[in-house]
């Protein structure tokens, strides 16, 4: 999103900018309902930040909000990762190729 900071660091002013699609309209910040498919399920996210052109309707979504949503929808979110132990292949080969005496029966 395009932002301009004011003198007060806690205030953010969002200013419209020209549309890159039609070049006639201006992109304005809006809170919309975002729709996306997750497999065969439709997911809706209300109050999602976006920039919308007042002429052609083009939508641009906030990159941070999309990254946050992708993290939330990731099927591995919240699962612990199990690290596999690395085996030393060189030692394994040495052991496989080592000659052991065969005991007499």
PDB file of N, CA and C in Angstrom:
ATOM      1  N   UNK A   1       0.843  -1.181   0.000  1.00  0.00           N
ATOM      2  CA  UNK A   1       0.000   0.000   0.000  1.00  0.00           C
ATOM      3  C   UNK A   1       0.883   1.238   0.000  1.00  0.00           C
ATOM      4  N   UNK A   2       0.398   2.270  -0.614  1.00  0.00           N
ATOM      5  CA  UNK A   2       1.108   3.544  -0.617  1.00  0.00           C
ATOM      6  C   UNK A   2       0.743   4.267   0.671  1.00  0.00           C
ATOM      7  N   UNK A   3       1.745   4.747   1.387  1.00  0.00           N
ATOM      8  CA  UNK A   3       1.472   5.464   2.618  1.00  0.00           C
ATOM      9  C   UNK A   3       2.371   6.683   2.705  1.00  0.00           C
ATOM     10  N   UNK A   4       1.884   7.702   3.348  1.00  0.00           N
ATOM     11  CA  UNK A   4       2.683   8.877   3.660  1.00  0.00           C
ATOM     12  C   UNK A   4       2.555   9.138   5.148  1.00  0.00           C
ATOM     13  N   UNK A   5       3.674   9.255   5.820  1.00  0.00           N
ATOM     14  CA  UNK A   5       3.660   9.525   7.250  1.00  0.00           C
ATOM     15  C   UNK A   5       3.497  11.029   7.470  1.00  0.00           C
ATOM     16  N   UNK A   6       2.779  11.394   8.499  1.00  0.00           N
ATOM     17  CA  UNK A   6       2.645  12.798   8.865  1.00  0.00           C
ATOM     18  C   UNK A   6       3.616  13.091   9.988  1.00  0.00           C
ATOM     19  N   UNK A   7       3.530  14.291  10.558  1.00  0.00           N
ATOM     20  CA  UNK A   7       4.423  14.670  11.658  1.00  0.00           C
ATOM     21  C   UNK A   7       4.241  13.747  12.853  1.00  0.00           C
ATOM     22  N   UNK A   8       3.018  13.343  13.103  1.00  0.00           N
ATOM     23  CA  UNK A   8       2.742  12.426  14.194  1.00  0.00           C
ATOM     24  C   UNK A   8       3.011  11.006  13.686  1.00  0.00           C
ATOM     25  N   UNK A   9       3.973  10.316  14.254  1.00  0.00           N
ATOM     26  CA  UNK A   9       4.390   9.003  13.778  1.00  0.00           C
ATOM     27  C   UNK A   9       3.290   7.948  13.869  1.00  0.00           C
ATOM     28  N   UNK A  10       2.256   8.186  14.663  1.00  0.00           N
ATOM     29  CA  UNK A  10       1.180   7.205  14.809  1.00  0.00           C
ATOM     30  C   UNK A  10       0.080   7.364  13.766  1.00  0.00           C
ATOM     31  N   UNK A  11       0.132   8.412  12.952  1.00  0.00           N
ATOM     32  CA  UNK A  11      -0.895   8.675  11.963  1.00  0.00           C
ATOM     33  C   UNK A  11      -0.368   8.355  10.574  1.00  0.00           C
ATOM     34  N   UNK A  12      -1.127   7.582   9.823  1.00  0.00           N
ATOM     35  CA  UNK A  12      -0.756   7.251   8.452  1.00  0.00           C
ATOM     36  C   UNK A  12      -1.846   7.782   7.535  1.00  0.00           C
ATOM     37  N   UNK A  13      -1.432   8.545   6.522  1.00  0.00           N
ATOM     38  CA  UNK A  13      -2.374   9.054   5.542  1.00  0.00           C
ATOM     39  C   UNK A  13      -2.193   8.245   4.268  1.00  0.00           C
ATOM     40  N   UNK A  14      -3.281   7.665   3.772  1.00  0.00           N
ATOM     41  CA  UNK A  14      -3.248   6.890   2.546  1.00  0.00           C
ATOM     42  C   UNK A  14      -3.740   7.773   1.410  1.00  0.00           C
ATOM     43  N   UNK A  15      -2.858   8.103   0.473  1.00  0.00           N
ATOM     44  CA  UNK A  15      -3.215   9.000  -0.622  1.00  0.00           C
ATOM     45  C   UNK A  15      -3.477   8.217  -1.899  1.00  0.00           C
ATOM     46  N   UNK A  16      -4.531   8.593  -2.630  1.00  0.00           N
ATOM     47  CA  UNK A  16      -4.811   7.935  -3.916  1.00  0.00           C
ATOM     48  C   UNK A  16      -3.654   8.150  -4.892  1.00  0.00           C
ATOM     49  N   UNK A  17      -3.510   7.208  -5.832  1.00  0.00           N
ATOM     50  CA  UNK A  17      -2.482   7.319  -6.865  1.00  0.00           C
ATOM     51  C   UNK A  17      -3.069   6.828  -8.183  1.00  0.00           C
ATOM     52  N   UNK A  18      -2.473   7.221  -9.328  1.00  0.00           N
ATOM     53  CA  UNK A  18      -3.039   6.841 -10.627  1.00  0.00           C
ATOM     54  C   UNK A  18      -3.046   5.331 -10.832  1.00  0.00           C
ATOM     55  N   UNK A  19      -4.100   4.860 -11.496  1.00  0.00           N
ATOM     56  CA  UNK A  19      -4.257   3.437 -11.794  1.00  0.00           C
ATOM     57  C   UNK A  19      -3.265   3.040 -12.883  1.00  0.00           C
ATOM     58  N   UNK A  20      -2.579   1.919 -12.678  1.00  0.00           N
ATOM     59  CA  UNK A  20      -1.615   1.431 -13.661  1.00  0.00           C
ATOM     60  C   UNK A  20      -2.303   0.652 -14.783  1.00  0.00           C
ATOM     61  N   UNK A  21      -3.572   0.308 -14.604  1.00  0.00           N
ATOM     62  CA  UNK A  21      -4.318  -0.457 -15.613  1.00  0.00           C
ATOM     63  C   UNK A  21      -4.934   0.460 -16.668  1.00  0.00           C
ATOM     64  N   UNK A  22      -5.743   1.421 -16.232  1.00  0.00           N
ATOM     65  CA  UNK A  22      -6.479   2.262 -17.174  1.00  0.00           C
ATOM     66  C   UNK A  22      -5.878   3.659 -17.345  1.00  0.00           C
ATOM     67  N   UNK A  23      -5.053   4.080 -16.419  1.00  0.00           N
ATOM     68  CA  UNK A  23      -4.410   5.411 -16.412  1.00  0.00           C
ATOM     69  C   UNK A  23      -5.415   6.560 -16.328  1.00  0.00           C
ATOM     70  N   UNK A  24      -6.707   6.272 -16.270  1.00  0.00           N
ATOM     71  CA  UNK A  24      -7.713   7.321 -16.175  1.00  0.00           C
ATOM     72  C   UNK A  24      -8.213   7.485 -14.744  1.00  0.00           C
ATOM     73  N   UNK A  25      -8.211   6.400 -14.006  1.00  0.00           N
ATOM     74  CA  UNK A  25      -8.760   6.428 -12.657  1.00  0.00           C
ATOM     75  C   UNK A  25      -7.702   6.595 -11.594  1.00  0.00           C
ATOM     76  N   UNK A  26      -8.170   6.694 -10.369  1.00  0.00           N
ATOM     77  CA  UNK A  26      -7.291   6.803  -9.209  1.00  0.00           C
ATOM     78  C   UNK A  26      -7.546   5.603  -8.300  1.00  0.00           C
ATOM     79  N   UNK A  27      -6.469   5.064  -7.753  1.00  0.00           N
ATOM     80  CA  UNK A  27      -6.559   3.946  -6.817  1.00  0.00           C
ATOM     81  C   UNK A  27      -6.814   4.514  -5.421  1.00  0.00           C
ATOM     82  N   UNK A  28      -7.884   4.044  -4.792  1.00  0.00           N
ATOM     83  CA  UNK A  28      -8.265   4.511  -3.456  1.00  0.00           C
ATOM     84  C   UNK A  28      -8.212   3.347  -2.471  1.00  0.00           C
ATOM     85  N   UNK A  29      -7.779   3.622  -1.237  1.00  0.00           N
ATOM     86  CA  UNK A  29      -7.744   2.547  -0.231  1.00  0.00           C
ATOM     87  C   UNK A  29      -9.159   2.202   0.230  1.00  0.00           C
ATOM     88  N   UNK A  30      -9.427   0.914   0.321  1.00  0.00           N
ATOM     89  CA  UNK A  30     -10.728   0.421   0.787  1.00  0.00           C
ATOM     90  C   UNK A  30     -10.526  -0.849   1.604  1.00  0.00           C
ATOM     91  N   UNK A  31     -11.499  -1.144   2.442  1.00  0.00           N
ATOM     92  CA  UNK A  31     -11.547  -2.419   3.145  1.00  0.00           C
ATOM     93  C   UNK A  31     -12.630  -3.228   2.445  1.00  0.00           C
ATOM     94  N   UNK A  32     -12.244  -4.377   1.889  1.00  0.00           N
ATOM     95  CA  UNK A  32     -13.157  -5.183   1.094  1.00  0.00           C
ATOM     96  C   UNK A  32     -13.249  -6.589   1.668  1.00  0.00           C
ATOM     97  N   UNK A  33     -14.115  -7.395   1.092  1.00  0.00           N
ATOM     98  CA  UNK A  33     -14.135  -8.819   1.411  1.00  0.00           C
ATOM     99  C   UNK A  33     -13.296  -9.519   0.355  1.00  0.00           C
ATOM    100  N   UNK A  34     -12.254 -10.195   0.792  1.00  0.00           N
ATOM    101  CA  UNK A  34     -11.324 -10.889  -0.102  1.00  0.00           C
ATOM    102  C   UNK A  34     -11.786 -12.335  -0.254  1.00  0.00           C
ATOM    103  N   UNK A  35     -11.821 -12.813  -1.490  1.00  0.00           N
ATOM    104  CA  UNK A  35     -12.229 -14.190  -1.788  1.00  0.00           C
ATOM    105  C   UNK A  35     -11.047 -14.942  -2.385  1.00  0.00           C
ATOM    106  N   UNK A  36     -10.829 -16.179  -1.960  1.00  0.00           N
ATOM    107  CA  UNK A  36      -9.807 -17.026  -2.559  1.00  0.00           C
ATOM    108  C   UNK A  36     -10.222 -18.481  -2.382  1.00  0.00           C
ATOM    109  N   UNK A  37      -9.713 -19.326  -3.249  1.00  0.00           N
ATOM    110  CA  UNK A  37      -9.990 -20.761  -3.153  1.00  0.00           C
ATOM    111  C   UNK A  37      -8.844 -21.449  -2.446  1.00  0.00           C
ATOM    112  N   UNK A  38      -9.158 -22.313  -1.515  1.00  0.00           N
ATOM    113  CA  UNK A  38      -8.178 -23.144  -0.829  1.00  0.00           C
ATOM    114  C   UNK A  38      -8.585 -24.584  -1.127  1.00  0.00           C
ATOM    115  N   UNK A  39      -7.934 -25.147  -2.151  1.00  0.00           N
ATOM    116  CA  UNK A  39      -8.369 -26.453  -2.637  1.00  0.00           C
ATOM    117  C   UNK A  39      -9.732 -26.285  -3.279  1.00  0.00           C
ATOM    118  N   UNK A  40     -10.727 -26.982  -2.754  1.00  0.00           N
ATOM    119  CA  UNK A  40     -12.084 -26.857  -3.289  1.00  0.00           C
ATOM    120  C   UNK A  40     -12.991 -26.032  -2.380  1.00  0.00           C
ATOM    121  N   UNK A  41     -12.391 -25.352  -1.391  1.00  0.00           N
ATOM    122  CA  UNK A  41     -13.179 -24.540  -0.463  1.00  0.00           C
ATOM    123  C   UNK A  41     -12.973 -23.063  -0.754  1.00  0.00           C
ATOM    124  N   UNK A  42     -14.075 -22.316  -0.756  1.00  0.00           N
ATOM    125  CA  UNK A  42     -14.023 -20.876  -0.928  1.00  0.00           C
ATOM    126  C   UNK A  42     -13.787 -20.231   0.438  1.00  0.00           C
ATOM    127  N   UNK A  43     -12.743 -19.424   0.522  1.00  0.00           N
ATOM    128  CA  UNK A  43     -12.408 -18.739   1.770  1.00  0.00           C
ATOM    129  C   UNK A  43     -12.706 -17.257   1.578  1.00  0.00           C
ATOM    130  N   UNK A  44     -13.430 -16.649   2.517  1.00  0.00           N
ATOM    131  CA  UNK A  44     -13.710 -15.218   2.469  1.00  0.00           C
ATOM    132  C   UNK A  44     -13.080 -14.549   3.684  1.00  0.00           C
ATOM    133  N   UNK A  45     -12.481 -13.386   3.439  1.00  0.00           N
ATOM    134  CA  UNK A  45     -11.841 -12.634   4.512  1.00  0.00           C
ATOM    135  C   UNK A  45     -12.435 -11.229   4.511  1.00  0.00           C
ATOM    136  N   UNK A  46     -13.277 -10.903   5.491  1.00  0.00           N
ATOM    137  CA  UNK A  46     -13.854  -9.556   5.540  1.00  0.00           C
ATOM    138  C   UNK A  46     -12.822  -8.530   6.011  1.00  0.00           C
ATOM    139  N   UNK A  47     -13.058  -7.286   5.680  1.00  0.00           N
ATOM    140  CA  UNK A  47     -12.225  -6.161   6.124  1.00  0.00           C
ATOM    141  C   UNK A  47     -10.766  -6.327   5.700  1.00  0.00           C
ATOM    142  N   UNK A  48     -10.555  -6.684   4.434  1.00  0.00           N
ATOM    143  CA  UNK A  48      -9.206  -6.907   3.902  1.00  0.00           C
ATOM    144  C   UNK A  48      -8.759  -5.642   3.174  1.00  0.00           C
ATOM    145  N   UNK A  49      -7.525  -5.144   3.444  1.00  0.00           N
ATOM    146  CA  UNK A  49      -7.070  -3.900   2.821  1.00  0.00           C
ATOM    147  C   UNK A  49      -6.745  -4.074   1.339  1.00  0.00           C
ATOM    148  N   UNK A  50      -7.240  -3.132   0.527  1.00  0.00           N
ATOM    149  CA  UNK A  50      -6.983  -3.173  -0.914  1.00  0.00           C
ATOM    150  C   UNK A  50      -7.031  -1.759  -1.467  1.00  0.00           C
ATOM    151  N   UNK A  51      -6.458  -1.597  -2.651  1.00  0.00           N
ATOM    152  CA  UNK A  51      -6.554  -0.359  -3.425  1.00  0.00           C
ATOM    153  C   UNK A  51      -7.452  -0.673  -4.617  1.00  0.00           C
ATOM    154  N   UNK A  52      -8.473   0.161  -4.846  1.00  0.00           N
ATOM    155  CA  UNK A  52      -9.426  -0.085  -5.921  1.00  0.00           C
ATOM    156  C   UNK A  52      -9.524   1.158  -6.800  1.00  0.00           C
ATOM    157  N   UNK A  53      -9.443   0.927  -8.130  1.00  0.00           N
ATOM    158  CA  UNK A  53      -9.550   2.025  -9.096  1.00  0.00           C
ATOM    159  C   UNK A  53     -11.006   2.479  -9.180  1.00  0.00           C
ATOM    160  N   UNK A  54     -11.211   3.790  -9.156  1.00  0.00           N
ATOM    161  CA  UNK A  54     -12.570   4.329  -9.216  1.00  0.00           C
ATOM    162  C   UNK A  54     -13.153   4.323 -10.636  1.00  0.00           C
ATOM    163  N   UNK A  55     -12.344   3.996 -11.659  1.00  0.00           N
ATOM    164  CA  UNK A  55     -12.847   3.947 -13.029  1.00  0.00           C
ATOM    165  C   UNK A  55     -12.988   2.502 -13.519  1.00  0.00           C
ATOM    166  N   UNK A  56     -11.878   1.740 -13.521  1.00  0.00           N
ATOM    167  CA  UNK A  56     -11.915   0.385 -14.102  1.00  0.00           C
ATOM    168  C   UNK A  56     -12.143  -0.716 -13.067  1.00  0.00           C
ATOM    169  N   UNK A  57     -12.036  -0.399 -11.787  1.00  0.00           N
ATOM    170  CA  UNK A  57     -12.289  -1.380 -10.739  1.00  0.00           C
ATOM    171  C   UNK A  57     -11.112  -2.290 -10.410  1.00  0.00           C
ATOM    172  N   UNK A  58      -9.939  -2.021 -11.004  1.00  0.00           N
ATOM    173  CA  UNK A  58      -8.756  -2.844 -10.709  1.00  0.00           C
ATOM    174  C   UNK A  58      -8.513  -2.876  -9.204  1.00  0.00           C
ATOM    175  N   UNK A  59      -8.097  -4.048  -8.722  1.00  0.00           N
ATOM    176  CA  UNK A  59      -7.805  -4.210  -7.295  1.00  0.00           C
ATOM    177  C   UNK A  59      -6.348  -4.585  -7.105  1.00  0.00           C
ATOM    178  N   UNK A  60      -5.711  -3.931  -6.173  1.00  0.00           N
ATOM    179  CA  UNK A  60      -4.365  -4.297  -5.742  1.00  0.00           C
ATOM    180  C   UNK A  60      -4.449  -4.539  -4.241  1.00  0.00           C
ATOM    181  N   UNK A  61      -3.874  -5.658  -3.818  1.00  0.00           N
ATOM    182  CA  UNK A  61      -3.963  -6.028  -2.415  1.00  0.00           C
ATOM    183  C   UNK A  61      -2.666  -5.703  -1.697  1.00  0.00           C
ATOM    184  N   UNK A  62      -2.786  -5.385  -0.431  1.00  0.00           N
ATOM    185  CA  UNK A  62      -1.634  -5.076   0.402  1.00  0.00           C
ATOM    186  C   UNK A  62      -0.736  -6.303   0.509  1.00  0.00           C
ATOM    187  N   UNK A  63       0.553  -6.149   0.184  1.00  0.00           N
ATOM    188  CA  UNK A  63       1.486  -7.277   0.178  1.00  0.00           C
ATOM    189  C   UNK A  63       1.643  -7.924   1.552  1.00  0.00           C
ATOM    190  N   UNK A  64       1.698  -7.113   2.588  1.00  0.00           N
ATOM    191  CA  UNK A  64       1.841  -7.664   3.942  1.00  0.00           C
ATOM    192  C   UNK A  64       0.592  -8.448   4.349  1.00  0.00           C
ATOM    193  N   UNK A  65      -0.568  -7.944   3.972  1.00  0.00           N
ATOM    194  CA  UNK A  65      -1.820  -8.636   4.305  1.00  0.00           C
ATOM    195  C   UNK A  65      -1.916  -9.962   3.559  1.00  0.00           C
ATOM    196  N   UNK A  66      -1.473  -9.999   2.296  1.00  0.00           N
ATOM    197  CA  UNK A  66      -1.485 -11.245   1.525  1.00  0.00           C
ATOM    198  C   UNK A  66      -0.513 -12.248   2.148  1.00  0.00           C
ATOM    199  N   UNK A  67       0.682 -11.788   2.542  1.00  0.00           N
ATOM    200  CA  UNK A  67       1.670 -12.681   3.172  1.00  0.00           C
ATOM    201  C   UNK A  67       1.115 -13.242   4.482  1.00  0.00           C
ATOM    202  N   UNK A  68       0.457 -12.400   5.266  1.00  0.00           N
ATOM    203  CA  UNK A  68      -0.139 -12.830   6.534  1.00  0.00           C
ATOM    204  C   UNK A  68      -1.226 -13.872   6.277  1.00  0.00           C
ATOM    205  N   UNK A  69      -2.071 -13.621   5.263  1.00  0.00           N
ATOM    206  CA  UNK A  69      -3.141 -14.556   4.943  1.00  0.00           C
ATOM    207  C   UNK A  69      -2.580 -15.890   4.456  1.00  0.00           C
ATOM    208  N   UNK A  70      -1.545 -15.851   3.625  1.00  0.00           N
ATOM    209  CA  UNK A  70      -0.914 -17.086   3.145  1.00  0.00           C
ATOM    210  C   UNK A  70      -0.348 -17.898   4.302  1.00  0.00           C
ATOM    211  N   UNK A  71       0.235 -17.208   5.277  1.00  0.00           N
ATOM    212  CA  UNK A  71       0.770 -17.909   6.444  1.00  0.00           C
ATOM    213  C   UNK A  71      -0.363 -18.583   7.223  1.00  0.00           C
ATOM    214  N   UNK A  72      -1.471 -17.876   7.401  1.00  0.00           N
ATOM    215  CA  UNK A  72      -2.602 -18.443   8.142  1.00  0.00           C
ATOM    216  C   UNK A  72      -3.231 -19.625   7.424  1.00  0.00           C
ATOM    217  N   UNK A  73      -3.267 -19.580   6.098  1.00  0.00           N
ATOM    218  CA  UNK A  73      -3.910 -20.639   5.329  1.00  0.00           C
ATOM    219  C   UNK A  73      -2.975 -21.799   5.005  1.00  0.00           C
ATOM    220  N   UNK A  74      -1.701 -21.657   5.330  1.00  0.00           N
ATOM    221  CA  UNK A  74      -0.732 -22.723   5.070  1.00  0.00           C
ATOM    222  C   UNK A  74      -1.089 -23.945   5.920  1.00  0.00           C
ATOM    223  N   UNK A  75      -1.225 -25.122   5.304  1.00  0.00           N
ATOM    224  CA  UNK A  75      -1.603 -26.312   6.075  1.00  0.00           C
ATOM    225  C   UNK A  75      -0.559 -26.715   7.109  1.00  0.00           C
ATOM    226  N   UNK A  76       0.659 -26.238   6.988  1.00  0.00           N
ATOM    227  CA  UNK A  76       1.709 -26.585   7.952  1.00  0.00           C
ATOM    228  C   UNK A  76       1.808 -25.603   9.110  1.00  0.00           C
ATOM    229  N   UNK A  77       0.981 -24.559   9.102  1.00  0.00           N
ATOM    230  CA  UNK A  77       1.026 -23.571  10.173  1.00  0.00           C
ATOM    231  C   UNK A  77       0.672 -24.231  11.503  1.00  0.00           C
ATOM    232  N   UNK A  78       1.484 -24.003  12.500  1.00  0.00           N
ATOM    233  CA  UNK A  78       1.240 -24.531  13.834  1.00  0.00           C
ATOM    234  C   UNK A  78       1.793 -25.915  14.071  1.00  0.00           C
ATOM    235  N   UNK A  79       2.258 -26.564  13.017  1.00  0.00           N
ATOM    236  CA  UNK A  79       2.834 -27.899  13.190  1.00  0.00           C
ATOM    237  C   UNK A  79       4.322 -27.757  13.483  1.00  0.00           C
ATOM    238  N   UNK A  80       4.801 -28.613  14.358  1.00  0.00           N
ATOM    239  CA  UNK A  80       6.231 -28.601  14.634  1.00  0.00           C
ATOM    240  C   UNK A  80       6.951 -29.321  13.510  1.00  0.00           C
ATOM    241  N   UNK A  81       8.121 -28.824  13.220  1.00  0.00           N
ATOM    242  CA  UNK A  81       8.905 -29.464  12.174  1.00  0.00           C
ATOM    243  C   UNK A  81       9.870 -30.447  12.809  1.00  0.00           C
ATOM    244  N   UNK A  82       9.964 -31.612  12.229  1.00  0.00           N
ATOM    245  CA  UNK A  82      10.873 -32.638  12.732  1.00  0.00           C
ATOM    246  C   UNK A  82      12.062 -32.691  11.786  1.00  0.00           C
ATOM    247  N   UNK A  83      13.213 -32.424  12.339  1.00  0.00           N
ATOM    248  CA  UNK A  83      14.414 -32.454  11.517  1.00  0.00           C
ATOM    249  C   UNK A  83      14.950 -33.878  11.469  1.00  0.00           C
ATOM    250  N   UNK A  84      15.235 -34.315  10.271  1.00  0.00           N
ATOM    251  CA  UNK A  84      15.804 -35.645  10.119  1.00  0.00           C
ATOM    252  C   UNK A  84      17.298 -35.559  10.386  1.00  0.00           C
ATOM    253  N   UNK A  85      17.806 -36.581  11.044  1.00  0.00           N
ATOM    254  CA  UNK A  85      19.233 -36.631  11.318  1.00  0.00           C
ATOM    255  C   UNK A  85      19.971 -36.965  10.042  1.00  0.00           C
ATOM    256  N   UNK A  86      21.026 -36.243   9.823  1.00  0.00           N
ATOM    257  CA  UNK A  86      21.843 -36.511   8.652  1.00  0.00           C
ATOM    258  C   UNK A  86      22.767 -37.675   8.965  1.00  0.00           C
ATOM    259  N   UNK A  87      22.867 -38.575   8.033  1.00  0.00           N
ATOM    260  CA  UNK A  87      23.789 -39.691   8.217  1.00  0.00           C
ATOM    261  C   UNK A  87      25.028 -39.407   7.392  1.00  0.00           C
ATOM    262  N   UNK A  88      26.126 -39.822   7.898  1.00  0.00           N
ATOM    263  CA  UNK A  88      27.377 -39.608   7.204  1.00  0.00           C
ATOM    264  C   UNK A  88      27.556 -40.747   6.204  1.00  0.00           C
ATOM    265  N   UNK A  89      27.352 -40.429   4.918  1.00  0.00           N
ATOM    266  CA  UNK A  89      27.398 -41.454   3.885  1.00  0.00           C
ATOM    267  C   UNK A  89      28.792 -42.050   3.726  1.00  0.00           C
ATOM    268  N   UNK A  90      29.810 -41.251   3.933  1.00  0.00           N
ATOM    269  CA  UNK A  90      31.172 -41.762   3.769  1.00  0.00           C
ATOM    270  C   UNK A  90      31.469 -42.860   4.783  1.00  0.00           C
ATOM    271  N   UNK A  91      31.058 -42.657   6.037  1.00  0.00           N
ATOM    272  CA  UNK A  91      31.268 -43.685   7.053  1.00  0.00           C
ATOM    273  C   UNK A  91      30.453 -44.931   6.742  1.00  0.00           C
ATOM    274  N   UNK A  92      29.248 -44.731   6.192  1.00  0.00           N
ATOM    275  CA  UNK A  92      28.390 -45.858   5.863  1.00  0.00           C
ATOM    276  C   UNK A  92      29.036 -46.700   4.760  1.00  0.00           C
ATOM    277  N   UNK A  93      29.587 -46.030   3.746  1.00  0.00           N
ATOM    278  CA  UNK A  93      30.235 -46.749   2.661  1.00  0.00           C
ATOM    279  C   UNK A  93      31.458 -47.498   3.168  1.00  0.00           C
ATOM    280  N   UNK A  94      32.201 -46.862   4.042  1.00  0.00           N
ATOM    281  CA  UNK A  94      33.394 -47.501   4.583  1.00  0.00           C
ATOM    282  C   UNK A  94      33.007 -48.769   5.329  1.00  0.00           C
ATOM    283  N   UNK A  95      31.924 -48.658   6.116  1.00  0.00           N
ATOM    284  CA  UNK A  95      31.486 -49.831   6.866  1.00  0.00           C
ATOM    285  C   UNK A  95      30.998 -50.931   5.932  1.00  0.00           C
ATOM    286  N   UNK A  96      30.325 -50.577   4.866  1.00  0.00           N
ATOM    287  CA  UNK A  96      29.822 -51.580   3.939  1.00  0.00           C
ATOM    288  C   UNK A  96      30.959 -52.264   3.177  1.00  0.00           C
ATOM    289  N   UNK A  97      31.989 -51.521   2.890  1.00  0.00           N
ATOM    290  CA  UNK A  97      33.095 -52.066   2.104  1.00  0.00           C
ATOM    291  C   UNK A  97      34.201 -52.672   2.969  1.00  0.00           C
ATOM    292  N   UNK A  98      34.071 -52.552   4.261  1.00  0.00           N
ATOM    293  CA  UNK A  98      35.144 -53.086   5.113  1.00  0.00           C
ATOM    294  C   UNK A  98      35.126 -54.609   5.091  1.00  0.00           C
ATOM    295  N   UNK A  99      36.290 -55.168   5.164  1.00  0.00           N
ATOM    296  CA  UNK A  99      36.422 -56.624   5.140  1.00  0.00           C
ATOM    297  C   UNK A  99      36.446 -57.134   6.565  1.00  0.00           C
ATOM    298  N   UNK A 100      35.568 -58.051   6.847  1.00  0.00           N
ATOM    299  CA  UNK A 100      35.522 -58.647   8.183  1.00  0.00           C
ATOM    300  C   UNK A 100      35.901 -60.107   8.054  1.00  0.00           C
ATOM    301  N   UNK A 101      36.668 -60.551   8.940  1.00  0.00           N
ATOM    302  CA  UNK A 101      37.019 -61.972   8.903  1.00  0.00           C
ATOM    303  C   UNK A 101      35.805 -62.826   9.205  1.00  0.00           C
ATOM    304  N   UNK A 102      35.657 -63.889   8.493  1.00  0.00           N
ATOM    305  CA  UNK A 102      34.556 -64.813   8.720  1.00  0.00           C
ATOM    306  C   UNK A 102      35.028 -65.844   9.735  1.00  0.00           C
ATOM    307  N   UNK A 103      34.283 -65.964  10.819  1.00  0.00           N
ATOM    308  CA  UNK A 103      34.720 -66.925  11.851  1.00  0.00           C
ATOM    309  C   UNK A 103      34.628 -68.369  11.346  1.00  0.00           C
ATOM    310  N   UNK A 104      35.588 -69.168  11.789  1.00  0.00           N
ATOM    311  CA  UNK A 104      35.566 -70.601  11.422  1.00  0.00           C
ATOM    312  C   UNK A 104      34.438 -71.290  12.188  1.00  0.00           C
ATOM    313  N   UNK A 105      33.766 -72.178  11.529  1.00  0.00           N
ATOM    314  CA  UNK A 105      32.685 -72.889  12.186  1.00  0.00           C
ATOM    315  C   UNK A 105      33.165 -74.196  12.740  1.00  0.00           C
TER     316      UNK A 105
END
